[in-house]
Amino acid sequence: MIILGSDQENKLLAKGGNYMELSIQIKKYRTELHLSQEELHKAVEVGKRLYQNILKVIISVGVAAIICFLIGVLMCLFLNLRIL
């Protein structure tokens, strides 16, 4: 499925294109693929959600790692444990 995303929009505009040309290209692809405006919007939203979900997982893992590290440091301090 061919959908114009923000990268393609930026490339078109960087080449001296304007929003009217971009609108024409979007309409052309939408009619070629027999997509309604609503279906096109859903496809774009699904793509955005994928990146958002991946970012949420990465941030969650980072926060969990920091919390585990801090718990380990606090346990060493309060229990007078020596590592190495």
Protein backbone atom coordinates (compact mmCIF):
# COMPACT_ATOMS: atom_id res chain seq x y z
CA MET A 1 0.00 0.00 0.00
CA ILE A 2 1.37 3.40 -0.96
CA ILE A 3 0.55 6.19 1.45
CA LEU A 4 2.21 9.56 1.49
CA GLY A 5 3.69 10.11 4.92
CA SER A 6 5.41 13.05 6.49
CA ASP A 7 8.77 12.04 4.96
CA GLN A 8 7.29 11.99 1.49
CA GLU A 9 5.50 15.28 2.15
CA ASN A 10 8.78 16.87 3.24
CA LYS A 11 10.63 15.53 0.19
CA LEU A 12 7.97 16.89 -2.15
CA LEU A 13 7.97 20.28 -0.47
CA ALA A 14 11.80 20.36 -0.41
CA LYS A 15 11.82 19.82 -4.18
CA GLY A 16 9.88 23.03 -4.62
CA GLY A 17 6.47 21.39 -4.59
CA ASN A 18 3.51 22.93 -2.89
CA TYR A 19 0.58 21.63 -0.90
CA MET A 20 -1.63 21.64 -4.00
CA GLU A 21 0.70 19.17 -5.76
CA LEU A 22 0.83 17.08 -2.62
CA SER A 23 -2.95 17.07 -2.39
CA ILE A 24 -3.21 15.94 -6.01
CA GLN A 25 -0.74 13.10 -5.43
CA ILE A 26 -2.57 11.94 -2.31
CA LYS A 27 -5.87 11.96 -4.17
CA LYS A 28 -4.29 10.04 -7.09
CA TYR A 29 -2.94 7.29 -4.84
CA ARG A 30 -6.18 7.18 -2.86
CA THR A 31 -8.25 6.67 -6.00
CA GLU A 32 -5.81 4.11 -7.43
CA LEU A 33 -6.07 2.07 -4.23
CA HIS A 34 -9.83 2.66 -3.92
CA LEU A 35 -9.49 4.07 -0.42
CA SER A 36 -11.93 6.42 1.24
CA GLN A 37 -10.72 9.36 3.28
CA GLU A 38 -11.61 7.45 6.43
CA GLU A 39 -9.64 4.35 5.39
CA LEU A 40 -6.63 6.48 4.51
CA HIS A 41 -6.83 8.22 7.89
CA LYS A 42 -7.02 4.85 9.70
CA ALA A 43 -3.96 3.55 7.82
CA VAL A 44 -1.94 6.63 8.80
CA GLU A 45 -3.07 6.34 12.43
CA VAL A 46 -2.05 2.65 12.58
CA GLY A 47 1.42 3.61 11.40
CA LYS A 48 1.68 6.30 14.06
CA ARG A 49 0.46 3.97 16.80
CA LEU A 50 3.14 1.39 15.96
CA TYR A 51 5.93 3.90 16.59
CA GLN A 52 4.23 5.17 19.73
CA ASN A 53 3.93 1.63 21.11
CA ILE A 54 7.59 0.86 20.39
CA LEU A 55 8.61 4.10 22.11
CA LYS A 56 6.44 3.24 25.14
CA VAL A 57 8.15 -0.15 25.46
CA ILE A 58 11.63 1.35 25.23
CA ILE A 59 10.83 4.00 27.85
CA SER A 60 9.21 1.40 30.14
CA VAL A 61 12.26 -0.86 29.96
CA GLY A 62 14.54 2.10 30.73
CA VAL A 63 12.48 3.16 33.73
CA ALA A 64 12.35 -0.43 35.03
CA ALA A 65 16.14 -0.73 34.69
CA ILE A 66 16.70 2.50 36.59
CA ILE A 67 14.34 1.41 39.38
CA CYS A 68 16.08 -1.97 39.68
CA PHE A 69 19.47 -0.26 39.85
CA LEU A 70 18.29 2.12 42.56
CA ILE A 71 16.79 -0.74 44.59
CA GLY A 72 20.11 -2.58 44.34
CA VAL A 73 22.07 0.48 45.48
CA LEU A 74 19.71 1.07 48.41
CA MET A 75 19.92 -2.59 49.45
CA CYS A 76 23.72 -2.42 49.40
CA LEU A 77 23.71 0.75 51.50
CA PHE A 78 21.20 -0.37 54.10
CA LEU A 79 22.37 -3.96 54.40
CA ASN A 80 26.06 -3.00 54.35
CA LEU A 81 26.74 -5.35 51.47
CA ARG A 82 30.03 -5.07 49.59
CA ILE A 83 30.20 -5.92 45.93
CA LEU A 84 33.72 -6.79 44.74
